[in-house]
């Protein structure tokens, strides 16, 4: 597999994997043990994606993988915030 295509798939897989963890993380107190769990639990999966897509640990891949990781966490948190706001709006109607 082309190394850039592998990187793209690994970043997308990392992003999608982190969405539920970001969603769950948004619902707990910041820096609690659950918060740390939801931030760190996907890390072994990200490492597995690196091996699965044959990327290894080249230095140039780190910014993309970190962007995918935190982007997924951010997207999950945003989804939860919008869901809560929508539910609150429905209650007030």
PDB file of N, CA and C in Angstrom:
ATOM      1  N   UNK A   1       0.850  -1.175   0.000  1.00  0.00           N
ATOM      2  CA  UNK A   1       0.000   0.000   0.000  1.00  0.00           C
ATOM      3  C   UNK A   1       0.900   1.243   0.000  1.00  0.00           C
ATOM      4  N   UNK A   2       0.502   2.216  -0.763  1.00  0.00           N
ATOM      5  CA  UNK A   2       1.211   3.493  -0.810  1.00  0.00           C
ATOM      6  C   UNK A   2       1.283   4.068   0.600  1.00  0.00           C
ATOM      7  N   UNK A   3       2.438   4.610   0.994  1.00  0.00           N
ATOM      8  CA  UNK A   3       2.610   5.088   2.373  1.00  0.00           C
ATOM      9  C   UNK A   3       1.707   6.273   2.691  1.00  0.00           C
ATOM     10  N   UNK A   4       1.401   7.119   1.701  1.00  0.00           N
ATOM     11  CA  UNK A   4       0.518   8.262   1.956  1.00  0.00           C
ATOM     12  C   UNK A   4      -0.938   7.819   2.084  1.00  0.00           C
ATOM     13  N   UNK A   5      -1.305   6.812   1.322  1.00  0.00           N
ATOM     14  CA  UNK A   5      -2.647   6.247   1.438  1.00  0.00           C
ATOM     15  C   UNK A   5      -2.805   5.544   2.786  1.00  0.00           C
ATOM     16  N   UNK A   6      -1.774   4.837   3.207  1.00  0.00           N
ATOM     17  CA  UNK A   6      -1.791   4.181   4.514  1.00  0.00           C
ATOM     18  C   UNK A   6      -1.919   5.211   5.629  1.00  0.00           C
ATOM     19  N   UNK A   7      -1.179   6.306   5.502  1.00  0.00           N
ATOM     20  CA  UNK A   7      -1.266   7.376   6.497  1.00  0.00           C
ATOM     21  C   UNK A   7      -2.671   7.964   6.528  1.00  0.00           C
ATOM     22  N   UNK A   8      -3.268   8.181   5.361  1.00  0.00           N
ATOM     23  CA  UNK A   8      -4.624   8.725   5.291  1.00  0.00           C
ATOM     24  C   UNK A   8      -5.622   7.800   5.991  1.00  0.00           C
ATOM     25  N   UNK A   9      -5.549   6.512   5.694  1.00  0.00           N
ATOM     26  CA  UNK A   9      -6.460   5.556   6.333  1.00  0.00           C
ATOM     27  C   UNK A   9      -6.231   5.479   7.838  1.00  0.00           C
ATOM     28  N   UNK A  10      -4.983   5.515   8.261  1.00  0.00           N
ATOM     29  CA  UNK A  10      -4.676   5.453   9.693  1.00  0.00           C
ATOM     30  C   UNK A  10      -5.203   6.694  10.413  1.00  0.00           C
ATOM     31  N   UNK A  11      -5.049   7.867   9.801  1.00  0.00           N
ATOM     32  CA  UNK A  11      -5.554   9.101  10.417  1.00  0.00           C
ATOM     33  C   UNK A  11      -7.081   9.059  10.485  1.00  0.00           C
ATOM     34  N   UNK A  12      -7.734   8.620   9.422  1.00  0.00           N
ATOM     35  CA  UNK A  12      -9.202   8.520   9.432  1.00  0.00           C
ATOM     36  C   UNK A  12      -9.691   7.520  10.468  1.00  0.00           C
ATOM     37  N   UNK A  13      -9.011   6.380  10.571  1.00  0.00           N
ATOM     38  CA  UNK A  13      -9.388   5.375  11.567  1.00  0.00           C
ATOM     39  C   UNK A  13      -9.195   5.933  12.979  1.00  0.00           C
ATOM     40  N   UNK A  14      -8.123   6.667  13.183  1.00  0.00           N
ATOM     41  CA  UNK A  14      -7.862   7.283  14.484  1.00  0.00           C
ATOM     42  C   UNK A  14      -8.937   8.308  14.805  1.00  0.00           C
ATOM     43  N   UNK A  15      -9.298   9.124  13.835  1.00  0.00           N
ATOM     44  CA  UNK A  15     -10.335  10.139  14.020  1.00  0.00           C
ATOM     45  C   UNK A  15     -11.663   9.486  14.406  1.00  0.00           C
ATOM     46  N   UNK A  16     -12.084   8.500  13.638  1.00  0.00           N
ATOM     47  CA  UNK A  16     -13.374   7.837  13.882  1.00  0.00           C
ATOM     48  C   UNK A  16     -13.367   7.100  15.220  1.00  0.00           C
ATOM     49  N   UNK A  17     -12.259   6.464  15.568  1.00  0.00           N
ATOM     50  CA  UNK A  17     -12.152   5.754  16.838  1.00  0.00           C
ATOM     51  C   UNK A  17     -12.305   6.699  18.020  1.00  0.00           C
ATOM     52  N   UNK A  18     -11.791   7.907  17.892  1.00  0.00           N
ATOM     53  CA  UNK A  18     -11.797   8.844  19.011  1.00  0.00           C
ATOM     54  C   UNK A  18     -13.105   9.591  19.187  1.00  0.00           C
ATOM     55  N   UNK A  19     -14.005   9.557  18.228  1.00  0.00           N
ATOM     56  CA  UNK A  19     -15.280  10.267  18.361  1.00  0.00           C
ATOM     57  C   UNK A  19     -16.073   9.778  19.575  1.00  0.00           C
ATOM     58  N   UNK A  20     -16.298   8.471  19.749  1.00  0.00           N
ATOM     59  CA  UNK A  20     -17.050   8.055  20.948  1.00  0.00           C
ATOM     60  C   UNK A  20     -16.321   8.367  22.254  1.00  0.00           C
ATOM     61  N   UNK A  21     -15.002   8.287  22.243  1.00  0.00           N
ATOM     62  CA  UNK A  21     -14.258   8.601  23.461  1.00  0.00           C
ATOM     63  C   UNK A  21     -14.369  10.082  23.810  1.00  0.00           C
ATOM     64  N   UNK A  22     -14.375  10.943  22.815  1.00  0.00           N
ATOM     65  CA  UNK A  22     -14.583  12.358  23.056  1.00  0.00           C
ATOM     66  C   UNK A  22     -15.991  12.643  23.552  1.00  0.00           C
ATOM     67  N   UNK A  23     -16.962  11.901  23.011  1.00  0.00           N
ATOM     68  CA  UNK A  23     -18.355  12.023  23.443  1.00  0.00           C
ATOM     69  C   UNK A  23     -18.474  11.661  24.919  1.00  0.00           C
ATOM     70  N   UNK A  24     -17.892  10.545  25.306  1.00  0.00           N
ATOM     71  CA  UNK A  24     -17.956  10.101  26.706  1.00  0.00           C
ATOM     72  C   UNK A  24     -17.157  11.020  27.616  1.00  0.00           C
ATOM     73  N   UNK A  25     -15.996  11.488  27.134  1.00  0.00           N
ATOM     74  CA  UNK A  25     -15.145  12.363  27.936  1.00  0.00           C
ATOM     75  C   UNK A  25     -15.849  13.668  28.271  1.00  0.00           C
ATOM     76  N   UNK A  26     -16.657  14.157  27.349  1.00  0.00           N
ATOM     77  CA  UNK A  26     -17.357  15.418  27.570  1.00  0.00           C
ATOM     78  C   UNK A  26     -18.356  15.319  28.721  1.00  0.00           C
ATOM     79  N   UNK A  27     -18.807  14.109  29.038  1.00  0.00           N
ATOM     80  CA  UNK A  27     -19.822  13.930  30.066  1.00  0.00           C
ATOM     81  C   UNK A  27     -19.296  13.727  31.473  1.00  0.00           C
ATOM     82  N   UNK A  28     -17.986  13.801  31.659  1.00  0.00           N
ATOM     83  CA  UNK A  28     -17.423  13.582  32.996  1.00  0.00           C
ATOM     84  C   UNK A  28     -16.611  14.799  33.413  1.00  0.00           C
ATOM     85  N   UNK A  29     -16.306  14.860  34.714  1.00  0.00           N
ATOM     86  CA  UNK A  29     -15.535  15.980  35.262  1.00  0.00           C
ATOM     87  C   UNK A  29     -14.118  15.969  34.678  1.00  0.00           C
ATOM     88  N   UNK A  30     -13.658  17.152  34.278  1.00  0.00           N
ATOM     89  CA  UNK A  30     -12.323  17.272  33.695  1.00  0.00           C
ATOM     90  C   UNK A  30     -11.258  16.826  34.703  1.00  0.00           C
ATOM     91  N   UNK A  31     -10.304  16.047  34.224  1.00  0.00           N
ATOM     92  CA  UNK A  31      -9.179  15.507  34.987  1.00  0.00           C
ATOM     93  C   UNK A  31      -9.594  14.461  36.025  1.00  0.00           C
ATOM     94  N   UNK A  32     -10.816  13.945  35.941  1.00  0.00           N
ATOM     95  CA  UNK A  32     -11.207  12.830  36.803  1.00  0.00           C
ATOM     96  C   UNK A  32     -10.587  11.550  36.228  1.00  0.00           C
ATOM     97  N   UNK A  33     -10.714  10.442  36.948  1.00  0.00           N
ATOM     98  CA  UNK A  33     -10.124   9.203  36.444  1.00  0.00           C
ATOM     99  C   UNK A  33     -10.838   8.744  35.173  1.00  0.00           C
ATOM    100  N   UNK A  34     -12.161   9.030  35.055  1.00  0.00           N
ATOM    101  CA  UNK A  34     -12.878   8.660  33.829  1.00  0.00           C
ATOM    102  C   UNK A  34     -12.375   9.496  32.651  1.00  0.00           C
ATOM    103  N   UNK A  35     -12.122  10.787  32.901  1.00  0.00           N
ATOM    104  CA  UNK A  35     -11.636  11.678  31.853  1.00  0.00           C
ATOM    105  C   UNK A  35     -10.294  11.156  31.326  1.00  0.00           C
ATOM    106  N   UNK A  36      -9.379  10.807  32.226  1.00  0.00           N
ATOM    107  CA  UNK A  36      -8.085  10.267  31.811  1.00  0.00           C
ATOM    108  C   UNK A  36      -8.256   8.938  31.072  1.00  0.00           C
ATOM    109  N   UNK A  37      -9.195   8.121  31.515  1.00  0.00           N
ATOM    110  CA  UNK A  37      -9.450   6.856  30.847  1.00  0.00           C
ATOM    111  C   UNK A  37      -9.907   7.078  29.410  1.00  0.00           C
ATOM    112  N   UNK A  38     -10.853   7.999  29.198  1.00  0.00           N
ATOM    113  CA  UNK A  38     -11.388   8.242  27.867  1.00  0.00           C
ATOM    114  C   UNK A  38     -10.374   8.917  26.943  1.00  0.00           C
ATOM    115  N   UNK A  39      -9.404   9.602  27.502  1.00  0.00           N
ATOM    116  CA  UNK A  39      -8.353  10.205  26.684  1.00  0.00           C
ATOM    117  C   UNK A  39      -7.300   9.160  26.315  1.00  0.00           C
ATOM    118  N   UNK A  40      -6.964   8.276  27.248  1.00  0.00           N
ATOM    119  CA  UNK A  40      -5.840   7.366  27.032  1.00  0.00           C
ATOM    120  C   UNK A  40      -6.220   5.973  26.523  1.00  0.00           C
ATOM    121  N   UNK A  41      -7.455   5.564  26.694  1.00  0.00           N
ATOM    122  CA  UNK A  41      -7.869   4.231  26.261  1.00  0.00           C
ATOM    123  C   UNK A  41      -7.697   3.996  24.753  1.00  0.00           C
ATOM    124  N   UNK A  42      -7.922   4.984  23.897  1.00  0.00           N
ATOM    125  CA  UNK A  42      -7.746   4.718  22.462  1.00  0.00           C
ATOM    126  C   UNK A  42      -6.300   4.641  21.987  1.00  0.00           C
ATOM    127  N   UNK A  43      -5.334   4.958  22.818  1.00  0.00           N
ATOM    128  CA  UNK A  43      -3.933   4.979  22.378  1.00  0.00           C
ATOM    129  C   UNK A  43      -3.460   3.608  21.872  1.00  0.00           C
ATOM    130  N   UNK A  44      -3.754   2.497  22.558  1.00  0.00           N
ATOM    131  CA  UNK A  44      -3.326   1.209  21.993  1.00  0.00           C
ATOM    132  C   UNK A  44      -3.945   0.925  20.623  1.00  0.00           C
ATOM    133  N   UNK A  45      -5.161   1.409  20.398  1.00  0.00           N
ATOM    134  CA  UNK A  45      -5.787   1.217  19.089  1.00  0.00           C
ATOM    135  C   UNK A  45      -5.058   2.015  18.011  1.00  0.00           C
ATOM    136  N   UNK A  46      -4.607   3.206  18.364  1.00  0.00           N
ATOM    137  CA  UNK A  46      -3.869   4.034  17.410  1.00  0.00           C
ATOM    138  C   UNK A  46      -2.545   3.358  17.053  1.00  0.00           C
ATOM    139  N   UNK A  47      -1.885   2.803  18.034  1.00  0.00           N
ATOM    140  CA  UNK A  47      -0.643   2.065  17.773  1.00  0.00           C
ATOM    141  C   UNK A  47      -0.937   0.858  16.878  1.00  0.00           C
ATOM    142  N   UNK A  48      -2.049   0.177  17.144  1.00  0.00           N
ATOM    143  CA  UNK A  48      -2.439  -0.963  16.308  1.00  0.00           C
ATOM    144  C   UNK A  48      -2.697  -0.526  14.860  1.00  0.00           C
ATOM    145  N   UNK A  49      -3.301   0.636  14.667  1.00  0.00           N
ATOM    146  CA  UNK A  49      -3.518   1.142  13.306  1.00  0.00           C
ATOM    147  C   UNK A  49      -2.193   1.368  12.590  1.00  0.00           C
ATOM    148  N   UNK A  50      -1.203   1.856  13.321  1.00  0.00           N
ATOM    149  CA  UNK A  50       0.105   2.073  12.710  1.00  0.00           C
ATOM    150  C   UNK A  50       0.670   0.751  12.179  1.00  0.00           C
ATOM    151  N   UNK A  51       0.542  -0.299  12.967  1.00  0.00           N
ATOM    152  CA  UNK A  51       1.036  -1.602  12.524  1.00  0.00           C
ATOM    153  C   UNK A  51       0.146  -2.188  11.433  1.00  0.00           C
ATOM    154  N   UNK A  52      -1.153  -2.056  11.591  1.00  0.00           N
ATOM    155  CA  UNK A  52      -2.096  -2.611  10.620  1.00  0.00           C
ATOM    156  C   UNK A  52      -1.869  -2.033   9.227  1.00  0.00           C
ATOM    157  N   UNK A  53      -1.625  -0.735   9.158  1.00  0.00           N
ATOM    158  CA  UNK A  53      -1.422  -0.081   7.869  1.00  0.00           C
ATOM    159  C   UNK A  53       0.045  -0.030   7.457  1.00  0.00           C
ATOM    160  N   UNK A  54       0.908  -0.700   8.220  1.00  0.00           N
ATOM    161  CA  UNK A  54       2.323  -0.824   7.867  1.00  0.00           C
ATOM    162  C   UNK A  54       3.083   0.495   7.867  1.00  0.00           C
ATOM    163  N   UNK A  55       2.705   1.405   8.763  1.00  0.00           N
ATOM    164  CA  UNK A  55       3.315   2.733   8.774  1.00  0.00           C
ATOM    165  C   UNK A  55       4.596   2.802   9.576  1.00  0.00           C
ATOM    166  N   UNK A  56       4.683   2.051  10.632  1.00  0.00           N
ATOM    167  CA  UNK A  56       5.830   2.220  11.514  1.00  0.00           C
ATOM    168  C   UNK A  56       5.677   3.509  12.308  1.00  0.00           C
ATOM    169  N   UNK A  57       6.781   4.084  12.703  1.00  0.00           N
ATOM    170  CA  UNK A  57       6.734   5.281  13.550  1.00  0.00           C
ATOM    171  C   UNK A  57       7.622   6.384  12.982  1.00  0.00           C
ATOM    172  N   UNK A  58       7.482   6.655  11.689  1.00  0.00           N
ATOM    173  CA  UNK A  58       8.256   7.732  11.075  1.00  0.00           C
ATOM    174  C   UNK A  58       7.815   9.064  11.673  1.00  0.00           C
ATOM    175  N   UNK A  59       8.768   9.946  11.843  1.00  0.00           N
ATOM    176  CA  UNK A  59       8.530  11.228  12.496  1.00  0.00           C
ATOM    177  C   UNK A  59       7.484  12.078  11.771  1.00  0.00           C
ATOM    178  N   UNK A  60       7.467  12.051  10.442  1.00  0.00           N
ATOM    179  CA  UNK A  60       6.535  12.905   9.708  1.00  0.00           C
ATOM    180  C   UNK A  60       5.071  12.508   9.911  1.00  0.00           C
ATOM    181  N   UNK A  61       4.806  11.309  10.415  1.00  0.00           N
ATOM    182  CA  UNK A  61       3.418  10.865  10.603  1.00  0.00           C
ATOM    183  C   UNK A  61       2.797  11.399  11.892  1.00  0.00           C
ATOM    184  N   UNK A  62       3.621  11.773  12.850  1.00  0.00           N
ATOM    185  CA  UNK A  62       3.102  12.177  14.158  1.00  0.00           C
ATOM    186  C   UNK A  62       2.147  13.365  14.112  1.00  0.00           C
ATOM    187  N   UNK A  63       2.454  14.455  13.410  1.00  0.00           N
ATOM    188  CA  UNK A  63       1.499  15.570  13.411  1.00  0.00           C
ATOM    189  C   UNK A  63       0.124  15.173  12.864  1.00  0.00           C
ATOM    190  N   UNK A  64       0.098  14.326  11.843  1.00  0.00           N
ATOM    191  CA  UNK A  64      -1.168  13.901  11.266  1.00  0.00           C
ATOM    192  C   UNK A  64      -1.950  13.003  12.217  1.00  0.00           C
ATOM    193  N   UNK A  65      -1.242  12.078  12.857  1.00  0.00           N
ATOM    194  CA  UNK A  65      -1.909  11.174  13.794  1.00  0.00           C
ATOM    195  C   UNK A  65      -2.417  11.922  15.022  1.00  0.00           C
ATOM    196  N   UNK A  66      -1.647  12.875  15.513  1.00  0.00           N
ATOM    197  CA  UNK A  66      -2.081  13.678  16.660  1.00  0.00           C
ATOM    198  C   UNK A  66      -3.292  14.509  16.275  1.00  0.00           C
ATOM    199  N   UNK A  67      -3.285  15.064  15.081  1.00  0.00           N
ATOM    200  CA  UNK A  67      -4.430  15.828  14.594  1.00  0.00           C
ATOM    201  C   UNK A  67      -5.670  14.939  14.502  1.00  0.00           C
ATOM    202  N   UNK A  68      -5.520  13.729  13.990  1.00  0.00           N
ATOM    203  CA  UNK A  68      -6.644  12.796  13.928  1.00  0.00           C
ATOM    204  C   UNK A  68      -7.138  12.413  15.307  1.00  0.00           C
ATOM    205  N   UNK A  69      -6.212  12.210  16.245  1.00  0.00           N
ATOM    206  CA  UNK A  69      -6.573  11.815  17.600  1.00  0.00           C
ATOM    207  C   UNK A  69      -7.385  12.908  18.288  1.00  0.00           C
ATOM    208  N   UNK A  70      -6.814  14.105  18.344  1.00  0.00           N
ATOM    209  CA  UNK A  70      -7.493  15.187  19.053  1.00  0.00           C
ATOM    210  C   UNK A  70      -8.675  15.739  18.266  1.00  0.00           C
ATOM    211  N   UNK A  71      -8.625  15.615  16.957  1.00  0.00           N
ATOM    212  CA  UNK A  71      -9.781  16.004  16.147  1.00  0.00           C
ATOM    213  C   UNK A  71     -10.978  15.120  16.438  1.00  0.00           C
ATOM    214  N   UNK A  72     -10.757  13.821  16.586  1.00  0.00           N
ATOM    215  CA  UNK A  72     -11.835  12.902  16.938  1.00  0.00           C
ATOM    216  C   UNK A  72     -12.374  13.167  18.334  1.00  0.00           C
ATOM    217  N   UNK A  73     -11.480  13.453  19.266  1.00  0.00           N
ATOM    218  CA  UNK A  73     -11.904  13.793  20.632  1.00  0.00           C
ATOM    219  C   UNK A  73     -12.754  15.068  20.608  1.00  0.00           C
ATOM    220  N   UNK A  74     -12.310  16.059  19.855  1.00  0.00           N
ATOM    221  CA  UNK A  74     -13.037  17.330  19.756  1.00  0.00           C
ATOM    222  C   UNK A  74     -14.397  17.127  19.101  1.00  0.00           C
ATOM    223  N   UNK A  75     -14.446  16.348  18.018  1.00  0.00           N
ATOM    224  CA  UNK A  75     -15.706  16.112  17.311  1.00  0.00           C
ATOM    225  C   UNK A  75     -16.698  15.386  18.211  1.00  0.00           C
ATOM    226  N   UNK A  76     -16.237  14.393  18.956  1.00  0.00           N
ATOM    227  CA  UNK A  76     -17.118  13.685  19.875  1.00  0.00           C
ATOM    228  C   UNK A  76     -17.680  14.585  20.954  1.00  0.00           C
ATOM    229  N   UNK A  77     -16.834  15.456  21.508  1.00  0.00           N
ATOM    230  CA  UNK A  77     -17.285  16.401  22.535  1.00  0.00           C
ATOM    231  C   UNK A  77     -18.306  17.367  21.948  1.00  0.00           C
ATOM    232  N   UNK A  78     -18.062  17.823  20.731  1.00  0.00           N
ATOM    233  CA  UNK A  78     -18.983  18.756  20.072  1.00  0.00           C
ATOM    234  C   UNK A  78     -20.334  18.098  19.799  1.00  0.00           C
ATOM    235  N   UNK A  79     -20.310  16.852  19.387  1.00  0.00           N
ATOM    236  CA  UNK A  79     -21.560  16.121  19.152  1.00  0.00           C
ATOM    237  C   UNK A  79     -22.369  16.038  20.443  1.00  0.00           C
ATOM    238  N   UNK A  80     -21.691  15.744  21.554  1.00  0.00           N
ATOM    239  CA  UNK A  80     -22.397  15.646  22.832  1.00  0.00           C
ATOM    240  C   UNK A  80     -22.986  16.997  23.239  1.00  0.00           C
ATOM    241  N   UNK A  81     -22.223  18.070  23.066  1.00  0.00           N
ATOM    242  CA  UNK A  81     -22.721  19.406  23.420  1.00  0.00           C
ATOM    243  C   UNK A  81     -23.951  19.754  22.592  1.00  0.00           C
ATOM    244  N   UNK A  82     -23.913  19.468  21.309  1.00  0.00           N
ATOM    245  CA  UNK A  82     -25.065  19.756  20.443  1.00  0.00           C
ATOM    246  C   UNK A  82     -26.269  18.895  20.830  1.00  0.00           C
ATOM    247  N   UNK A  83     -26.021  17.641  21.183  1.00  0.00           N
ATOM    248  CA  UNK A  83     -27.109  16.748  21.597  1.00  0.00           C
ATOM    249  C   UNK A  83     -27.772  17.272  22.868  1.00  0.00           C
ATOM    250  N   UNK A  84     -26.961  17.700  23.834  1.00  0.00           N
ATOM    251  CA  UNK A  84     -27.503  18.231  25.086  1.00  0.00           C
ATOM    252  C   UNK A  84     -28.290  19.508  24.821  1.00  0.00           C
ATOM    253  N   UNK A  85     -27.771  20.376  23.968  1.00  0.00           N
ATOM    254  CA  UNK A  85     -28.469  21.616  23.642  1.00  0.00           C
ATOM    255  C   UNK A  85     -29.794  21.327  22.931  1.00  0.00           C
ATOM    256  N   UNK A  86     -29.811  20.344  22.046  1.00  0.00           N
ATOM    257  CA  UNK A  86     -31.041  19.964  21.332  1.00  0.00           C
ATOM    258  C   UNK A  86     -32.068  19.398  22.313  1.00  0.00           C
ATOM    259  N   UNK A  87     -31.608  18.559  23.247  1.00  0.00           N
ATOM    260  CA  UNK A  87     -32.524  18.002  24.237  1.00  0.00           C
ATOM    261  C   UNK A  87     -33.084  19.084  25.153  1.00  0.00           C
ATOM    262  N   UNK A  88     -32.249  20.029  25.541  1.00  0.00           N
ATOM    263  CA  UNK A  88     -32.709  21.121  26.390  1.00  0.00           C
ATOM    264  C   UNK A  88     -33.733  21.988  25.632  1.00  0.00           C
ATOM    265  N   UNK A  89     -33.507  22.172  24.356  1.00  0.00           N
ATOM    266  CA  UNK A  89     -34.434  22.946  23.532  1.00  0.00           C
ATOM    267  C   UNK A  89     -35.781  22.242  23.430  1.00  0.00           C
ATOM    268  N   UNK A  90     -35.745  20.920  23.287  1.00  0.00           N
ATOM    269  CA  UNK A  90     -36.990  20.150  23.186  1.00  0.00           C
ATOM    270  C   UNK A  90     -37.763  20.146  24.488  1.00  0.00           C
ATOM    271  N   UNK A  91     -37.070  20.205  25.615  1.00  0.00           N
ATOM    272  CA  UNK A  91     -37.721  20.216  26.920  1.00  0.00           C
ATOM    273  C   UNK A  91     -38.452  21.542  27.144  1.00  0.00           C
ATOM    274  N   UNK A  92     -37.833  22.629  26.683  1.00  0.00           N
ATOM    275  CA  UNK A  92     -38.427  23.945  26.914  1.00  0.00           C
ATOM    276  C   UNK A  92     -39.591  24.235  25.970  1.00  0.00           C
ATOM    277  N   UNK A  93     -39.782  23.439  24.964  1.00  0.00           N
ATOM    278  CA  UNK A  93     -40.906  23.661  24.030  1.00  0.00           C
ATOM    279  C   UNK A  93     -42.182  23.083  24.553  1.00  0.00           C
TER     280      UNK A  93
END
